[in-house]
Amino acid sequence: MKKTALVTGGTAKDAPAIAALILNIKQINNKLIDDIIVFHDGISESDQIIMNKILPVNFKYYKYPGNTDNFTDGLKDYFSTMIFCKYECFNLLNEYKTVIWTDYDVVINNDINELLISVQSGFRMMLDIQHKDIRTMFTKEIDNVIINNNLDVPALCTPLFVFFDNIINYNEYYNYCLKQTDKYAPYLYLPEQCIFNLLIQDYNIQYENIDYQTYCANPLHVKITESTKIIHAYGQPKFWNGLHNSIWENNYKTWIKMGGSKYYHKKLSYKLKIFLFNNIRMLLKILLPKKLYLSLKFVLFPEKKKKLIIS
């Protein structure tokens, strides 16, 4: 009988966040899945051993199988090509009945078993309330490149999605994603999300919507309530560099006590952090137009009296 897999993936430097997620799963949703799969680009053997002490984890080394020559520096430096390991969820349907992807910069507050209920289309996906249409997920030059797709329709985002093996063409979808990624590489702003949106449109796929406010609640933008299932620190800051969350912080401390690797910024002295903080803020204030700086000020540099403590 085919099982259920929870999948995530990231670079070796984010092993602490991946570990915090695994601890979180054990605490909140330990009966949710049969297997945990982590795609990575070089998580150390010692970190892998420690994570397996939390829950059994299947580590899969990932290298983007397509052509990386045309990827922008921003894509490779900020997202990294690890972002495309999400496509592998299609391939996993050869082994699993249900595949749940979650980004690792999340805290799961409540049971999410309802997402496992199969749907006719085989897709559970999420409408993006931060980006109004598909066009905004590409660079501005895309209007001169894509002519056969409607880029003005509401966009999907992919921090959380569920695929079921009643998807008929999942192997074809996997190959499509790679081909389109290579084709539009210079124009990808939110890389894999661009491609998933084209896939849904080109194949006229009907999907069951995952509620954004319930399963992708960023505390900088919405009030966290008892009905919030997942807190997602999309954008910046993350839980590990400025956005405090007690569940995540406790899991990180547990990971460190187990002997896991640390985030480098955690080793900086308090005075050095303040020095860097103040100088970066001063530099941005000088370089950015006043209106833009003021609009970014609270998100990037919350005042001490407005310290973000999200429990």
Protein backbone atom coordinates (compact mmCIF):
# COMPACT_ATOMS: atom_id res chain seq x y z
CA MET A 1 0.00 0.00 0.00
CA LYS A 2 1.39 3.39 -1.05
CA LYS A 3 2.11 5.78 1.79
CA THR A 4 2.18 9.51 2.56
CA ALA A 5 5.37 11.60 2.42
CA LEU A 6 6.07 15.03 3.81
CA VAL A 7 8.73 16.74 1.72
CA THR A 8 10.91 19.79 2.25
CA GLY A 9 14.27 20.90 0.93
CA GLY A 10 16.98 23.49 1.28
CA THR A 11 20.67 24.25 1.31
CA ALA A 12 23.12 22.87 3.84
CA LYS A 13 23.30 26.19 5.68
CA ASP A 14 19.62 25.92 6.56
CA ALA A 15 19.95 22.54 8.23
CA PRO A 16 19.00 24.13 11.62
CA ALA A 17 15.67 25.34 10.22
CA ILE A 18 14.96 21.98 8.61
CA ALA A 19 15.73 20.31 11.94
CA ALA A 20 13.41 22.74 13.76
CA LEU A 21 10.65 21.77 11.32
CA ILE A 22 11.22 18.05 11.97
CA LEU A 23 11.01 18.66 15.73
CA ASN A 24 7.82 20.65 15.12
CA ILE A 25 6.31 17.78 13.09
CA LYS A 26 7.11 15.32 15.87
CA GLN A 27 5.38 17.56 18.42
CA ILE A 28 2.28 18.53 16.46
CA ASN A 29 1.71 16.13 13.57
CA ASN A 30 3.65 12.98 14.39
CA LYS A 31 0.84 10.81 12.94
CA LEU A 32 0.44 12.95 9.83
CA ILE A 33 2.85 11.14 7.55
CA ASP A 34 4.66 7.86 6.97
CA ASP A 35 7.95 9.25 5.63
CA ILE A 36 9.86 12.52 5.78
CA ILE A 37 11.95 13.38 2.72
CA VAL A 38 14.54 16.16 2.73
CA PHE A 39 16.17 17.34 -0.50
CA HIS A 40 19.51 19.04 0.14
CA ASP A 41 22.76 20.15 -1.47
CA GLY A 42 25.17 18.87 1.16
CA ILE A 43 23.78 18.68 4.70
CA SER A 44 26.61 17.21 6.78
CA GLU A 45 26.56 13.57 7.77
CA SER A 46 26.59 14.55 11.44
CA ASP A 47 23.51 16.76 11.02
CA GLN A 48 21.75 13.97 9.12
CA ILE A 49 22.46 11.51 11.93
CA ILE A 50 21.07 13.90 14.54
CA MET A 51 17.92 14.63 12.53
CA ASN A 52 17.31 10.90 12.24
CA LYS A 53 17.32 10.75 16.03
CA ILE A 54 14.26 13.05 15.98
CA LEU A 55 12.30 11.15 13.32
CA PRO A 56 13.38 8.85 10.48
CA VAL A 57 14.38 11.04 7.53
CA ASN A 58 15.17 10.08 3.94
CA PHE A 59 17.82 12.52 2.71
CA LYS A 60 18.07 12.98 -1.06
CA TYR A 61 20.94 14.95 -2.57
CA TYR A 62 19.59 17.35 -5.18
CA LYS A 63 21.19 19.15 -8.09
CA TYR A 64 18.99 20.94 -10.59
CA PRO A 65 18.95 18.59 -13.62
CA GLY A 66 18.39 21.30 -16.22
CA ASN A 67 20.55 24.08 -17.64
CA THR A 68 21.63 26.70 -15.09
CA ASP A 69 23.57 28.94 -17.49
CA ASN A 70 20.74 31.45 -17.96
CA PHE A 71 19.68 31.77 -14.33
CA THR A 72 20.08 35.26 -12.90
CA ASP A 73 22.54 35.90 -10.08
CA GLY A 74 19.61 36.91 -7.89
CA LEU A 75 17.93 33.56 -8.39
CA LYS A 76 21.09 31.60 -7.64
CA ASP A 77 22.18 33.73 -4.69
CA TYR A 78 18.89 34.43 -2.91
CA PHE A 79 16.74 31.40 -3.70
CA SER A 80 19.42 28.96 -4.95
CA THR A 81 18.55 26.30 -7.49
CA MET A 82 17.41 24.11 -4.58
CA ILE A 83 14.05 25.85 -4.96
CA PHE A 84 13.38 23.61 -7.98
CA CYS A 85 13.47 20.44 -5.90
CA LYS A 86 9.73 21.08 -5.46
CA TYR A 87 9.29 19.58 -8.93
CA GLU A 88 10.48 16.26 -7.51
CA CYS A 89 7.14 15.94 -5.72
CA PHE A 90 5.70 14.79 -9.07
CA ASN A 91 8.29 12.02 -9.32
CA LEU A 92 7.56 10.91 -5.76
CA LEU A 93 4.03 10.00 -6.81
CA ASN A 94 5.57 6.91 -8.38
CA GLU A 95 6.21 5.74 -4.80
CA TYR A 96 3.64 7.56 -2.66
CA LYS A 97 -0.11 7.97 -2.62
CA THR A 98 0.12 11.47 -1.13
CA VAL A 99 2.97 13.98 -1.19
CA ILE A 100 2.86 17.10 0.96
CA TRP A 101 5.41 19.83 0.34
CA THR A 102 6.11 22.46 2.99
CA ASP A 103 8.76 25.17 3.03
CA TYR A 104 11.00 24.90 6.08
CA ASP A 105 10.56 28.52 7.31
CA VAL A 106 7.29 27.64 9.02
CA VAL A 107 5.84 26.79 12.40
CA ILE A 108 2.96 24.31 12.40
CA ASN A 109 0.51 25.31 15.13
CA ASN A 110 -2.25 22.75 14.73
CA ASP A 111 -3.04 19.42 13.16
CA ILE A 112 -3.31 19.63 9.35
CA ASN A 113 -4.60 16.13 8.63
CA GLU A 114 -7.53 17.55 6.67
CA LEU A 115 -5.12 18.28 3.83
CA LEU A 116 -4.70 14.54 3.31
CA ILE A 117 -8.27 14.10 2.11
CA SER A 118 -7.93 13.20 -1.55
CA VAL A 119 -9.48 15.44 -4.20
CA GLN A 120 -10.59 14.50 -7.71
CA SER A 121 -8.04 16.66 -9.50
CA GLY A 122 -5.17 15.39 -7.38
CA PHE A 123 -4.05 18.94 -6.57
CA ARG A 124 -4.35 21.04 -3.42
CA MET A 125 -2.71 24.42 -4.01
CA MET A 126 -2.80 27.94 -2.62
CA LEU A 127 -3.84 31.27 -4.15
CA ASP A 128 -1.30 34.00 -3.42
CA ILE A 129 -2.76 37.10 -1.76
CA GLN A 130 0.57 38.95 -1.86
CA HIS A 131 0.97 38.89 -5.65
CA LYS A 132 -2.16 39.86 -7.53
CA ASP A 133 -1.37 38.05 -10.78
CA ILE A 134 1.09 35.75 -12.50
CA ARG A 135 2.87 38.63 -14.22
CA THR A 136 4.24 39.92 -10.92
CA MET A 137 6.04 36.60 -10.39
CA PHE A 138 8.22 37.21 -13.46
CA THR A 139 10.61 40.05 -14.23
CA LYS A 140 9.09 42.97 -16.12
CA GLU A 141 10.58 41.81 -19.42
CA ILE A 142 8.22 38.84 -19.53
CA ASP A 143 5.59 40.78 -21.51
CA ASN A 144 7.86 40.59 -24.52
CA VAL A 145 8.45 36.86 -24.11
CA ILE A 146 5.23 35.09 -23.15
CA ILE A 147 2.38 35.70 -25.56
CA ASN A 148 0.24 32.55 -25.30
CA ASN A 149 -0.51 32.64 -21.57
CA ASN A 150 -2.79 34.94 -19.63
CA LEU A 151 -0.56 36.58 -17.04
CA ASP A 152 -3.34 38.72 -15.59
CA VAL A 153 -5.10 35.92 -13.70
CA PRO A 154 -4.69 35.34 -9.93
CA ALA A 155 -1.43 33.63 -9.07
CA LEU A 156 -0.72 30.51 -7.05
CA CYS A 157 2.09 30.30 -4.52
CA THR A 158 3.89 27.15 -3.39
CA PRO A 159 4.95 27.27 0.29
CA LEU A 160 2.51 24.40 0.86
CA PHE A 161 0.85 22.05 -1.60
CA VAL A 162 -0.41 18.48 -1.75
CA PHE A 163 -0.28 16.10 -4.70
CA PHE A 164 -2.20 12.81 -4.89
CA ASP A 165 -1.39 9.87 -7.12
CA ASN A 166 -4.71 10.16 -8.96
CA ILE A 167 -2.95 12.87 -10.99
CA ILE A 168 -2.80 11.14 -14.35
CA ASN A 169 0.13 12.89 -15.99
CA TYR A 170 2.49 13.57 -13.10
CA ASN A 171 5.59 12.36 -14.98
CA GLU A 172 4.66 14.60 -17.90
CA TYR A 173 4.15 17.53 -15.51
CA TYR A 174 7.62 16.99 -14.08
CA ASN A 175 9.24 17.17 -17.52
CA TYR A 176 7.14 20.22 -18.40
CA CYS A 177 8.40 22.07 -15.33
CA LEU A 178 12.04 21.44 -16.21
CA LYS A 179 11.55 22.44 -19.84
CA GLN A 180 9.74 25.67 -18.99
CA THR A 181 12.27 26.56 -16.29
CA ASP A 182 15.10 26.33 -18.80
CA LYS A 183 13.08 28.28 -21.36
CA TYR A 184 12.19 31.20 -19.10
CA ALA A 185 15.25 31.14 -16.82
CA PRO A 186 16.28 34.79 -17.37
CA TYR A 187 12.80 36.05 -16.45
CA LEU A 188 12.06 34.12 -13.25
CA TYR A 189 11.51 36.36 -10.23
CA LEU A 190 9.66 33.93 -7.95
CA PRO A 191 11.24 30.99 -9.74
CA GLU A 192 9.32 27.76 -9.24
CA GLN A 193 6.05 29.59 -8.62
CA CYS A 194 6.20 31.06 -12.11
CA ILE A 195 6.44 27.60 -13.61
CA PHE A 196 3.73 26.00 -11.47
CA ASN A 197 1.37 28.77 -12.56
CA LEU A 198 2.10 28.14 -16.23
CA LEU A 199 1.58 24.41 -15.66
CA ILE A 200 -1.85 24.93 -14.09
CA GLN A 201 -2.87 27.16 -16.98
CA ASP A 202 -1.41 25.18 -19.87
CA TYR A 203 -3.01 21.93 -18.70
CA ASN A 204 -6.21 23.56 -17.46
CA ILE A 205 -5.75 21.88 -14.09
CA GLN A 206 -8.54 22.27 -11.54
CA TYR A 207 -7.26 22.39 -7.97
CA GLU A 208 -8.67 22.45 -4.46
CA ASN A 209 -7.72 25.73 -2.81
CA ILE A 210 -5.69 25.79 0.42
CA ASP A 211 -6.70 28.84 2.47
CA TYR A 212 -3.81 31.33 2.56
CA GLN A 213 -4.69 33.00 5.86
CA THR A 214 -4.97 29.66 7.65
CA TYR A 215 -1.92 27.91 6.20
CA CYS A 216 0.44 30.76 5.25
CA ALA A 217 0.03 33.39 7.96
CA ASN A 218 2.95 35.79 8.20
CA PRO A 219 2.74 37.58 11.58
CA LEU A 220 4.03 40.78 10.00
CA HIS A 221 0.87 40.98 7.90
CA VAL A 222 -1.92 39.17 9.75
CA LYS A 223 -3.00 38.51 13.31
CA ILE A 224 -2.16 35.01 14.47
CA THR A 225 -5.22 33.34 16.02
CA GLU A 226 -6.21 29.92 17.35
CA SER A 227 -7.46 29.01 13.87
CA THR A 228 -4.04 29.67 12.32
CA LYS A 229 -2.63 26.31 11.28
CA ILE A 230 0.76 27.38 9.89
CA ILE A 231 2.85 30.49 10.56
CA HIS A 232 5.05 31.16 7.56
CA ALA A 233 7.98 33.58 7.76
CA TYR A 234 8.07 34.29 4.03
CA GLY A 235 10.28 37.12 2.89
CA GLN A 236 12.40 38.71 5.60
CA PRO A 237 13.00 38.51 8.50
CA LYS A 238 12.99 34.78 9.22
CA PHE A 239 12.63 33.06 12.59
CA TRP A 240 16.41 32.72 12.70
CA ASN A 241 17.34 36.33 11.93
CA GLY A 242 14.89 38.66 13.62
CA LEU A 243 11.34 37.32 13.76
CA HIS A 244 10.83 35.72 17.16
CA ASN A 245 8.59 32.72 17.65
CA SER A 246 8.72 30.79 20.92
CA ILE A 247 7.99 27.39 19.35
CA TRP A 248 10.68 27.80 16.70
CA GLU A 249 13.20 29.20 19.19
CA ASN A 250 12.69 26.30 21.61
CA ASN A 251 13.10 23.80 18.78
CA TYR A 252 16.28 25.53 17.64
CA LYS A 253 17.68 25.38 21.18
CA THR A 254 16.78 21.69 21.36
CA TRP A 255 18.60 21.11 18.07
CA ILE A 256 21.73 22.85 19.36
CA LYS A 257 21.66 20.82 22.58
CA MET A 258 21.53 17.67 20.44
CA GLY A 259 24.78 18.79 18.79
CA GLY A 260 23.34 20.16 15.57
CA SER A 261 24.94 22.93 13.50
CA LYS A 262 24.21 26.55 14.33
CA TYR A 263 23.18 29.53 12.28
CA TYR A 264 26.29 31.65 11.83
CA HIS A 265 24.56 34.88 12.86
CA LYS A 266 23.73 33.37 16.26
CA LYS A 267 27.46 33.40 17.03
CA LEU A 268 27.80 37.16 16.54
CA SER A 269 28.18 39.23 19.67
CA TYR A 270 25.30 41.49 20.64
CA LYS A 271 27.40 44.62 20.13
CA LEU A 272 28.48 43.47 16.66
CA LYS A 273 24.87 42.75 15.69
CA ILE A 274 23.82 46.24 16.79
CA PHE A 275 26.75 47.78 14.92
CA LEU A 276 25.84 45.98 11.69
CA PHE A 277 22.14 46.73 12.16
CA ASN A 278 22.66 50.49 12.61
CA ASN A 279 25.14 50.84 9.77
CA ILE A 280 22.98 48.95 7.28
CA ARG A 281 20.01 51.10 8.25
CA MET A 282 22.08 54.27 7.82
CA LEU A 283 23.33 53.13 4.41
CA LEU A 284 19.82 52.35 3.15
CA LYS A 285 18.56 55.68 4.43
CA ILE A 286 21.23 57.44 2.37
CA LEU A 287 20.86 55.36 -0.80
CA LEU A 288 17.11 54.82 -1.04
CA PRO A 289 14.50 57.44 -1.97
CA LYS A 290 12.85 58.73 1.19
CA LYS A 291 9.39 57.35 0.38
CA LEU A 292 10.76 53.86 -0.33
CA TYR A 293 12.93 53.87 2.79
CA LEU A 294 9.99 54.85 5.01
CA SER A 295 7.81 52.13 3.49
CA LEU A 296 10.46 49.51 4.25
CA LYS A 297 11.58 50.86 7.61
CA PHE A 298 9.15 49.02 9.86
CA VAL A 299 9.47 45.67 8.09
CA LEU A 300 13.28 45.73 7.95
CA PHE A 301 14.04 47.69 11.11
CA PRO A 302 11.26 47.49 13.72
CA GLU A 303 11.84 49.87 16.61
CA LYS A 304 12.76 48.36 19.96
CA LYS A 305 9.45 49.40 21.48
CA LYS A 306 7.69 47.51 18.67
CA LYS A 307 9.79 44.38 19.01
CA LEU A 308 8.13 41.52 17.20
CA ILE A 309 7.41 38.72 19.66
CA ILE A 310 5.13 36.18 18.05
CA SER A 311 4.15 33.23 20.20
